[in-house]
Amino acid sequence: MNSYLIKNANIVNEGTTFLGDVLIENGIIKKISASVSTNSIPVIDAKGHHLIPGLIDDQVHFREPGLTHKANIGSESRAAVAGGITTFIEMPNTVPQATTQKLLQDKFDIAEKTSFANYSFMFGGTNDNLEELLLTDPKTVAGIKLFLGSSTGNMLVDNLEVLEKIFSSTQLIISVHCEDEATIKKNTAHYKEIYGEDIPIELHPVIRSEEACYLSSSKAIALAKKTGARLHVFHLSTAKETTLFRNDIPLEEKQITAEVCVHHLWFSDEDYKEKGTHIKWNPAVKTAADRKGLWDALLDDRIDIIASDHAPHTLEEKSNSYMNAPSGGPLVQHTLLALLEKVKQQVIPIEKLVEKACHNPAKIFQIEKRGFIKEGYFADLVLVDTNAPQTVHKENILYKCGWSPFEGTTFSSSVTHTFVNGVLMYDRGVFNTTIKGKRVTFNRS
């Protein structure tokens, strides 16, 4: 069944919230009105609930293939749907890495069979795969991902001549991880001299510093301006970096856009004492002043997208010492809940949250007929009860890795229903396991 009538919802879409009904027929939003009547399909009374478009998470690591002891596309997409994320874009640094068209297609084949959410993947650029990169289909693949400063095997693109060639050769959106590797290596060596292998976790944002982030981001932006490339900078973590981005032109005219992740908006370096390596990310969680700067830039439209950078590791792996613990953590189940907490605290209006987590990813990646509550669009929809508190604990965590950096946190809101292509995929804790999500397509020439 993928036809429903949602009645009496507080519908959040394109900057406004209004009371109304939404009719879903055959997976598509058929009608939006103050009052819709029907006799033949199930009715969901959403009185007191907010109806928002499904979130589009433009940066996740679901670890399949090759790292499935941490996670897989099935397990993590299931957690994502429970968290109100209906579409994800997954990164290429799996094992093997998605740096050929065949390896990229292998991931699409897995997702077709196992993903609860809609999906796309990025093609991974390296120092020596430009020919393969240029075969990427812009209508069916989200874009190109480049690592400009985080060691990920052969995916660290550190040849400037190759980098300029990539920027000059493709019209696809190029998404980048920006940290300067030379700066990080220098800082690491300095603190190893002092502490040996026992560097305190509190020094993570000092080693992977503001300087390392800004230097790399500014170089990438300069190269994009020089070549005319369409650049998207992932996971900003410093207030200083936000000065590199514009808010004086409409989003549709931007050639250079930016993303911030929920952990950089929630945590600060003050949390390392309690959370330790469980909040070790690259780029690092930095100061409270940086966090405020990121919020300011998000609210004034220098930053365009909120994402998760969901990157699970096992609890055993994350419990290692600073030098041995991997970076990253699981977030898709709780990203929306954390953001709704900030709505309740009046940090961000819910309409702005929807703009940054739903509308703008659809616009920036030119995703067809998703990210909005519009007639004729796919019915990717989420019902939220903002007065249904829940506490994160081991028993209600859906990630395969079984832990969360939010453990012990009580959120004020709950996701009650998630529709994916009009299918009620999640209904108050119960999943529809018979139908899978779809490969998204892109409105590009």
Protein backbone atom coordinates (compact mmCIF):
# COMPACT_ATOMS: atom_id res chain seq x y z
CA MET A 1 0.00 0.00 0.00
CA ASN A 2 1.48 3.36 -1.01
CA SER A 3 -1.66 5.51 -1.01
CA TYR A 4 -2.60 7.36 2.18
CA LEU A 5 -4.35 10.48 3.40
CA ILE A 6 -2.52 12.44 6.08
CA LYS A 7 -4.93 14.80 7.83
CA ASN A 8 -4.59 17.76 10.18
CA ALA A 9 -0.79 18.05 9.92
CA ASN A 10 1.32 21.11 10.57
CA ILE A 11 2.94 21.06 7.13
CA VAL A 12 6.41 22.62 6.97
CA ASN A 13 7.52 23.53 3.46
CA GLU A 14 9.32 26.37 1.67
CA GLY A 15 9.53 28.72 4.62
CA THR A 16 6.02 28.37 5.97
CA THR A 17 4.07 26.13 8.36
CA PHE A 18 0.35 25.63 7.72
CA LEU A 19 -2.40 23.27 8.80
CA GLY A 20 -3.54 20.92 6.08
CA ASP A 21 -4.01 17.49 4.53
CA VAL A 22 -1.78 15.59 2.10
CA LEU A 23 -3.09 12.92 -0.24
CA ILE A 24 -0.60 10.28 -1.38
CA GLU A 25 -1.54 8.16 -4.40
CA ASN A 26 0.72 5.50 -5.89
CA GLY A 27 3.75 6.89 -4.14
CA ILE A 28 3.28 10.49 -5.32
CA ILE A 29 1.95 13.55 -3.52
CA LYS A 30 -1.39 13.92 -5.31
CA LYS A 31 -2.99 16.81 -3.44
CA ILE A 32 -2.18 19.32 -0.68
CA SER A 33 -5.14 21.22 0.70
CA ALA A 34 -6.75 22.60 3.82
CA SER A 35 -9.14 19.64 3.65
CA VAL A 36 -9.05 16.49 1.52
CA SER A 37 -11.66 13.72 1.66
CA THR A 38 -11.42 10.11 0.50
CA ASN A 39 -13.22 6.89 1.34
CA SER A 40 -10.95 4.24 -0.08
CA ILE A 41 -7.49 4.58 1.45
CA PRO A 42 -6.00 4.57 4.96
CA VAL A 43 -6.17 7.85 6.90
CA ILE A 44 -3.49 8.99 9.35
CA ASP A 45 -4.65 11.69 11.76
CA ALA A 46 -1.59 13.88 12.26
CA LYS A 47 -3.20 16.38 14.62
CA GLY A 48 -0.53 18.08 16.71
CA HIS A 49 2.28 16.62 14.57
CA HIS A 50 4.58 18.31 12.06
CA LEU A 51 4.84 16.93 8.55
CA ILE A 52 8.17 17.65 6.88
CA PRO A 53 9.88 16.43 3.71
CA GLY A 54 12.16 13.47 4.26
CA LEU A 55 15.68 14.61 5.04
CA ILE A 56 18.30 14.23 2.30
CA ASP A 57 21.64 13.40 3.92
CA ASP A 58 24.36 14.32 1.45
CA GLN A 59 27.19 12.61 3.34
CA VAL A 60 27.10 9.17 4.92
CA HIS A 61 29.49 6.23 5.23
CA PHE A 62 27.50 2.99 5.34
CA ARG A 63 30.68 0.82 5.17
CA GLU A 64 29.57 -1.62 2.48
CA PRO A 65 31.37 -3.33 0.83
CA GLY A 66 34.36 -4.43 2.84
CA LEU A 67 33.75 -2.95 6.29
CA THR A 68 30.50 -4.65 7.16
CA HIS A 69 31.59 -5.60 10.68
CA LYS A 70 30.89 -1.88 11.40
CA ALA A 71 27.73 -1.35 9.33
CA ASN A 72 26.03 -2.13 6.05
CA ILE A 73 23.64 -0.39 3.71
CA GLY A 74 20.66 -2.34 5.05
CA SER A 75 21.29 -1.70 8.74
CA GLU A 76 22.20 1.96 8.44
CA SER A 77 19.46 2.89 5.96
CA ARG A 78 16.99 1.32 8.39
CA ALA A 79 18.32 3.55 11.18
CA ALA A 80 18.20 6.52 8.81
CA VAL A 81 14.53 5.96 7.98
CA ALA A 82 13.71 5.69 11.70
CA GLY A 83 15.43 9.06 12.04
CA GLY A 84 13.46 10.73 9.25
CA ILE A 85 16.15 10.50 6.53
CA THR A 86 14.56 9.23 3.31
CA THR A 87 17.47 9.78 0.90
CA PHE A 88 21.20 9.41 1.42
CA ILE A 89 24.34 9.99 -0.62
CA GLU A 90 27.08 7.56 0.39
CA MET A 91 30.82 8.11 0.17
CA PRO A 92 33.33 6.10 -1.90
CA ASN A 93 35.88 5.15 0.79
CA THR A 94 34.73 1.57 1.24
CA VAL A 95 36.78 -1.58 0.56
CA PRO A 96 37.32 -1.67 -2.33
CA GLN A 97 36.97 2.04 -2.88
CA ALA A 98 34.42 3.18 -5.47
CA THR A 99 37.03 4.55 -7.88
CA THR A 100 35.96 2.68 -11.02
CA GLN A 101 32.56 2.61 -12.68
CA LYS A 102 32.25 -1.13 -12.05
CA LEU A 103 32.98 -0.79 -8.33
CA LEU A 104 30.50 2.11 -8.15
CA GLN A 105 27.82 0.00 -9.83
CA ASP A 106 28.47 -2.81 -7.36
CA LYS A 107 27.33 -0.47 -4.57
CA PHE A 108 24.19 0.50 -6.45
CA ASP A 109 23.42 -3.21 -6.89
CA ILE A 110 23.72 -3.81 -3.13
CA ALA A 111 21.49 -0.83 -2.32
CA GLU A 112 18.82 -1.94 -4.77
CA LYS A 113 18.41 -5.14 -2.78
CA THR A 114 18.85 -3.87 0.78
CA SER A 115 18.28 -0.12 1.24
CA PHE A 116 15.23 1.05 3.17
CA ALA A 117 15.87 4.63 1.99
CA ASN A 118 16.41 6.18 -1.43
CA TYR A 119 20.06 6.27 -2.37
CA SER A 120 22.88 7.53 -4.50
CA PHE A 121 26.65 7.21 -4.29
CA MET A 122 29.63 9.39 -5.07
CA PHE A 123 32.46 8.40 -7.36
CA GLY A 124 35.87 8.65 -5.69
CA GLY A 125 38.60 10.66 -7.35
CA THR A 126 42.26 9.67 -6.99
CA ASN A 127 45.59 10.85 -8.37
CA ASP A 128 45.28 8.48 -11.31
CA ASN A 129 41.66 7.72 -12.29
CA LEU A 130 40.59 10.76 -14.30
CA GLU A 131 39.50 8.68 -17.30
CA GLU A 132 37.16 6.59 -15.13
CA LEU A 133 35.94 9.71 -13.34
CA LEU A 134 34.88 11.32 -16.61
CA LEU A 135 32.65 8.31 -17.41
CA THR A 136 30.39 9.17 -14.44
CA ASP A 137 26.77 9.63 -15.53
CA PRO A 138 25.50 13.00 -14.23
CA LYS A 139 21.86 11.89 -14.39
CA THR A 140 22.27 8.83 -12.18
CA VAL A 141 25.28 9.53 -9.89
CA ALA A 142 25.33 12.19 -7.16
CA GLY A 143 28.79 13.57 -7.89
CA ILE A 144 32.53 13.33 -7.27
CA LYS A 145 34.18 13.05 -3.85
CA LEU A 146 37.77 14.15 -3.26
CA PHE A 147 39.78 13.83 -0.06
CA LEU A 148 42.17 16.77 0.01
CA GLY A 149 43.67 16.20 3.40
CA SER A 150 42.61 13.05 5.21
CA SER A 151 44.58 9.89 4.57
CA THR A 152 42.24 7.30 3.10
CA GLY A 153 44.54 4.99 1.18
CA ASN A 154 45.01 6.07 -2.41
CA MET A 155 42.04 8.44 -2.18
CA LEU A 156 44.13 11.32 -0.85
CA VAL A 157 44.42 13.58 -3.89
CA ASP A 158 47.65 15.46 -3.27
CA ASN A 159 48.90 15.99 -6.83
CA LEU A 160 48.05 19.61 -7.60
CA GLU A 161 48.32 19.10 -11.36
CA VAL A 162 45.84 16.21 -11.20
CA LEU A 163 43.57 18.19 -8.92
CA GLU A 164 43.42 21.11 -11.33
CA LYS A 165 42.74 18.71 -14.19
CA ILE A 166 39.82 17.16 -12.31
CA PHE A 167 38.40 20.59 -11.43
CA SER A 168 38.73 21.69 -15.07
CA SER A 169 37.36 18.52 -16.68
CA THR A 170 34.01 17.76 -15.04
CA GLN A 171 30.72 19.62 -14.79
CA LEU A 172 29.65 17.35 -11.93
CA ILE A 173 29.50 18.76 -8.43
CA ILE A 174 32.82 18.09 -6.66
CA SER A 175 32.48 17.51 -2.92
CA VAL A 176 35.65 17.84 -0.87
CA HIS A 177 37.02 16.94 2.55
CA CYS A 178 39.37 19.81 3.36
CA GLU A 179 42.19 19.41 5.88
CA ASP A 180 45.82 20.19 5.10
CA GLU A 181 47.79 16.98 5.54
CA ALA A 182 51.19 18.65 5.96
CA THR A 183 49.89 20.79 8.83
CA ILE A 184 48.32 17.78 10.54
CA LYS A 185 51.51 15.72 10.21
CA LYS A 186 53.59 18.57 11.63
CA ASN A 187 51.23 18.99 14.60
CA THR A 188 51.11 15.26 15.24
CA ALA A 189 54.89 15.01 15.25
CA HIS A 190 55.12 17.93 17.69
CA TYR A 191 52.76 16.34 20.22
CA LYS A 192 54.30 12.89 19.79
CA GLU A 193 57.58 14.40 20.93
CA ILE A 194 55.85 15.57 24.10
CA TYR A 195 53.46 12.67 24.83
CA GLY A 196 54.73 9.74 22.77
CA GLU A 197 51.77 7.52 21.82
CA ASP A 198 49.68 8.83 24.73
CA ILE A 199 48.47 12.10 23.21
CA PRO A 200 45.34 13.31 25.07
CA ILE A 201 42.11 13.33 23.04
CA GLU A 202 41.67 17.00 24.00
CA LEU A 203 44.50 17.82 21.56
CA HIS A 204 42.60 16.42 18.56
CA PRO A 205 41.27 19.87 17.53
CA VAL A 206 44.73 21.33 18.08
CA ILE A 207 46.37 18.73 15.83
CA ARG A 208 43.64 18.83 13.18
CA SER A 209 43.57 22.55 13.66
CA GLU A 210 41.72 25.60 12.43
CA GLU A 211 44.82 26.36 10.35
CA ALA A 212 44.71 22.92 8.69
CA CYS A 213 41.04 23.33 7.79
CA TYR A 214 41.23 26.91 6.59
CA LEU A 215 44.35 26.37 4.52
CA SER A 216 42.81 23.45 2.65
CA SER A 217 39.34 24.99 2.22
CA SER A 218 40.74 28.27 0.94
CA LYS A 219 42.97 26.47 -1.59
CA ALA A 220 40.05 24.39 -2.87
CA ILE A 221 37.89 27.47 -3.24
CA ALA A 222 40.64 29.37 -5.05
CA LEU A 223 41.03 26.46 -7.47
CA ALA A 224 37.26 26.31 -8.05
CA LYS A 225 37.21 30.02 -8.83
CA LYS A 226 40.15 29.62 -11.20
CA THR A 227 38.65 26.66 -13.09
CA GLY A 228 34.94 27.40 -12.81
CA ALA A 229 34.32 24.06 -11.09
CA ARG A 230 31.14 23.42 -9.12
CA LEU A 231 32.48 22.94 -5.59
CA HIS A 232 30.76 21.74 -2.42
CA VAL A 233 32.81 21.84 0.79
CA PHE A 234 31.88 19.17 3.29
CA HIS A 235 31.72 19.39 7.10
CA LEU A 236 32.96 22.87 7.98
CA SER A 237 34.24 22.85 11.55
CA THR A 238 35.63 26.36 12.13
CA ALA A 239 34.18 29.83 12.30
CA LYS A 240 37.12 31.10 10.22
CA GLU A 241 36.20 28.91 7.25
CA THR A 242 32.70 30.37 7.09
CA THR A 243 34.19 33.71 5.93
CA LEU A 244 35.08 32.02 2.64
CA PHE A 245 31.43 31.59 1.61
CA ARG A 246 28.83 33.99 0.21
CA ASN A 247 25.29 34.80 1.27
CA ASP A 248 24.71 37.76 -1.04
CA ILE A 249 23.43 35.71 -3.99
CA PRO A 250 20.64 33.11 -4.28
CA LEU A 251 21.56 29.49 -3.73
CA GLU A 252 20.78 28.69 -7.36
CA GLU A 253 23.56 31.08 -8.46
CA LYS A 254 26.24 29.74 -6.12
CA GLN A 255 29.14 27.87 -7.68
CA ILE A 256 30.64 27.18 -4.27
CA THR A 257 28.49 25.82 -1.45
CA ALA A 258 29.09 24.48 2.05
CA GLU A 259 27.81 21.89 4.49
CA VAL A 260 27.91 21.61 8.28
CA CYS A 261 27.32 18.40 10.24
CA VAL A 262 25.16 17.90 13.29
CA HIS A 263 28.07 16.94 15.57
CA HIS A 264 29.87 20.22 14.88
CA LEU A 265 26.64 22.06 15.74
CA TRP A 266 26.07 20.06 18.95
CA PHE A 267 29.41 19.28 20.60
CA SER A 268 32.47 21.41 21.43
CA ASP A 269 35.98 20.71 22.72
CA GLU A 270 34.54 20.96 26.23
CA ASP A 271 32.86 17.58 25.62
CA TYR A 272 36.07 15.60 25.07
CA LYS A 273 36.53 15.21 28.82
CA GLU A 274 33.26 13.26 29.10
CA LYS A 275 32.94 11.69 25.64
CA GLY A 276 36.58 11.02 24.81
CA THR A 277 37.29 9.27 21.52
CA HIS A 278 33.55 8.68 21.00
CA ILE A 279 33.43 12.22 19.57
CA LYS A 280 36.64 11.92 17.58
CA TRP A 281 35.78 13.07 14.06
CA ASN A 282 37.76 14.42 11.13
CA PRO A 283 37.55 17.39 10.95
CA ALA A 284 37.66 17.64 14.71
CA VAL A 285 34.96 19.06 16.94
CA LYS A 286 36.46 22.41 17.89
CA THR A 287 35.68 25.27 20.28
CA ALA A 288 32.36 26.65 21.49
CA ALA A 289 33.23 29.82 19.57
CA ASP A 290 33.62 27.76 16.40
CA ARG A 291 30.28 26.09 17.07
CA LYS A 292 28.61 29.49 17.44
CA GLY A 293 30.28 30.67 14.23
CA LEU A 294 28.91 27.67 12.39
CA TRP A 295 25.39 28.34 13.67
CA ASP A 296 25.69 32.00 12.66
CA ALA A 297 26.80 31.04 9.14
CA LEU A 298 24.05 28.45 8.83
CA LEU A 299 21.39 30.94 9.84
CA ASP A 300 22.66 33.72 7.56
CA ASP A 301 23.01 31.35 4.58
CA ARG A 302 26.78 31.19 4.17
CA ILE A 303 26.34 27.48 4.99
CA ASP A 304 23.77 25.77 2.81
CA ILE A 305 23.27 22.18 4.05
CA ILE A 306 23.07 20.27 7.33
CA ALA A 307 24.20 16.63 7.11
CA SER A 308 25.31 13.82 9.39
CA ASP A 309 28.62 12.44 8.07
CA HIS A 310 27.39 9.19 9.63
CA ALA A 311 30.54 7.07 9.96
CA PRO A 312 30.16 4.13 12.34
CA HIS A 313 32.92 2.10 13.95
CA THR A 314 32.60 -0.67 16.50
CA LEU A 315 32.62 0.30 20.15
CA GLU A 316 35.82 -1.71 20.57
CA GLU A 317 37.51 0.32 17.83
CA LYS A 318 36.30 3.66 19.22
CA SER A 319 37.40 2.75 22.75
CA ASN A 320 41.07 2.68 21.77
CA SER A 321 43.57 5.37 22.75
CA TYR A 322 43.54 8.65 20.85
CA MET A 323 46.21 7.63 18.33
CA ASN A 324 44.55 4.27 17.65
CA ALA A 325 40.84 5.13 17.70
CA PRO A 326 39.33 5.75 14.24
CA SER A 327 37.50 8.98 13.48
CA GLY A 328 33.76 9.03 12.89
CA GLY A 329 30.57 8.06 14.63
CA PRO A 330 26.98 6.90 13.98
CA LEU A 331 24.42 9.72 13.63
CA VAL A 332 21.61 9.13 11.11
CA GLN A 333 19.03 7.92 13.64
CA HIS A 334 19.45 11.01 15.80
CA THR A 335 20.37 13.87 13.45
CA LEU A 336 16.80 15.15 13.07
CA LEU A 337 16.06 14.73 16.78
CA ALA A 338 19.15 16.77 17.69
CA LEU A 339 18.15 19.50 15.26
CA LEU A 340 14.58 19.55 16.57
CA GLU A 341 16.03 20.07 20.04
CA LYS A 342 17.66 23.23 18.69
CA VAL A 343 14.28 24.26 17.26
CA LYS A 344 12.76 23.85 20.73
CA GLN A 345 15.61 25.93 22.17
CA GLN A 346 14.83 28.62 19.54
CA VAL A 347 18.28 28.35 18.00
CA ILE A 348 16.83 27.62 14.54
CA PRO A 349 13.25 27.84 13.22
CA ILE A 350 11.82 24.56 11.99
CA GLU A 351 11.30 26.13 8.56
CA LYS A 352 15.04 26.87 8.37
CA LEU A 353 15.87 23.33 9.47
CA VAL A 354 13.74 21.97 6.62
CA GLU A 355 15.40 24.37 4.17
CA LYS A 356 18.90 23.22 5.13
CA ALA A 357 18.26 19.48 5.56
CA CYS A 358 15.61 18.85 2.89
CA HIS A 359 15.20 21.60 0.29
CA ASN A 360 18.81 22.68 -0.21
CA PRO A 361 20.33 19.21 -0.70
CA ALA A 362 17.71 18.62 -3.40
CA LYS A 363 18.56 21.94 -5.04
CA ILE A 364 22.34 21.67 -4.79
CA PHE A 365 22.50 18.12 -6.13
CA GLN A 366 19.60 18.75 -8.57
CA ILE A 367 17.69 15.73 -7.27
CA GLU A 368 14.51 15.09 -9.21
CA LYS A 369 11.18 15.52 -7.41
CA ARG A 370 12.37 15.10 -3.82
CA GLY A 371 13.10 17.34 -0.85
CA PHE A 372 9.80 19.27 -0.91
CA ILE A 373 6.14 18.72 -0.07
CA LYS A 374 4.79 19.49 -3.53
CA GLU A 375 2.10 17.97 -5.70
CA GLY A 376 3.70 15.67 -8.26
CA TYR A 377 6.74 14.97 -6.08
CA PHE A 378 7.64 11.63 -4.56
CA ALA A 379 5.96 11.16 -1.19
CA ASP A 380 9.12 11.15 0.95
CA LEU A 381 7.55 12.46 4.15
CA VAL A 382 8.16 12.43 7.89
CA LEU A 383 5.70 12.93 10.73
CA VAL A 384 7.22 14.29 13.92
CA ASP A 385 5.71 14.59 17.39
CA THR A 386 7.60 17.44 19.02
CA ASN A 387 6.11 16.60 22.41
CA ALA A 388 7.13 12.95 22.67
CA PRO A 389 10.42 12.79 24.61
CA GLN A 390 12.78 9.87 24.24
CA THR A 391 16.12 9.00 25.78
CA VAL A 392 18.86 7.41 23.70
CA HIS A 393 20.06 4.13 25.22
CA LYS A 394 21.54 0.85 24.02
CA GLU A 395 18.17 -0.86 23.68
CA ASN A 396 16.72 1.65 21.18
CA ILE A 397 19.83 2.21 19.04
CA LEU A 398 19.43 0.75 15.55
CA TYR A 399 22.99 1.13 14.25
CA LYS A 400 24.79 -2.15 13.65
CA CYS A 401 27.66 -0.87 15.83
CA GLY A 402 25.21 -0.60 18.76
CA TRP A 403 26.31 2.72 20.28
CA SER A 404 25.73 6.44 19.85
CA PRO A 405 27.55 9.61 20.90
CA PHE A 406 24.11 10.79 22.09
CA GLU A 407 23.65 7.96 24.62
CA GLY A 408 22.03 9.33 27.75
CA THR A 409 20.59 12.34 25.92
CA THR A 410 16.84 12.94 26.20
CA PHE A 411 15.39 14.50 23.07
CA SER A 412 12.03 16.29 23.19
CA SER A 413 10.75 14.89 19.89
CA SER A 414 10.10 11.58 18.16
CA VAL A 415 9.69 10.51 14.55
CA THR A 416 6.38 8.63 14.38
CA HIS A 417 6.01 7.84 10.66
CA THR A 418 8.39 7.88 7.69
CA PHE A 419 7.15 7.50 4.11
CA VAL A 420 9.60 6.55 1.35
CA ASN A 421 8.13 6.86 -2.15
CA GLY A 422 4.70 6.80 -0.54
CA VAL A 423 5.41 3.54 1.29
CA LEU A 424 4.91 3.74 5.05
CA MET A 425 8.40 2.42 5.73
CA TYR A 426 8.44 3.24 9.46
CA ASP A 427 5.37 3.35 11.71
CA ARG A 428 6.04 4.02 15.42
CA GLY A 429 8.85 1.52 15.69
CA VAL A 430 7.63 -0.98 13.08
CA PHE A 431 9.41 -1.29 9.72
CA ASN A 432 8.05 -2.36 6.35
CA THR A 433 10.68 -4.87 5.24
CA THR A 434 9.00 -5.95 1.99
CA ILE A 435 9.77 -2.89 -0.15
CA LYS A 436 13.04 -1.07 -0.73
CA GLY A 437 14.02 2.50 -1.56
CA LYS A 438 14.84 3.74 -5.05
CA ARG A 439 17.91 5.03 -6.81
CA VAL A 440 17.47 8.78 -7.11
CA THR A 441 17.93 10.58 -10.41
CA PHE A 442 19.25 14.05 -11.13
CA ASN A 443 17.89 16.86 -13.26
CA ARG A 444 21.11 17.53 -15.15
CA SER A 445 22.04 17.72 -18.81
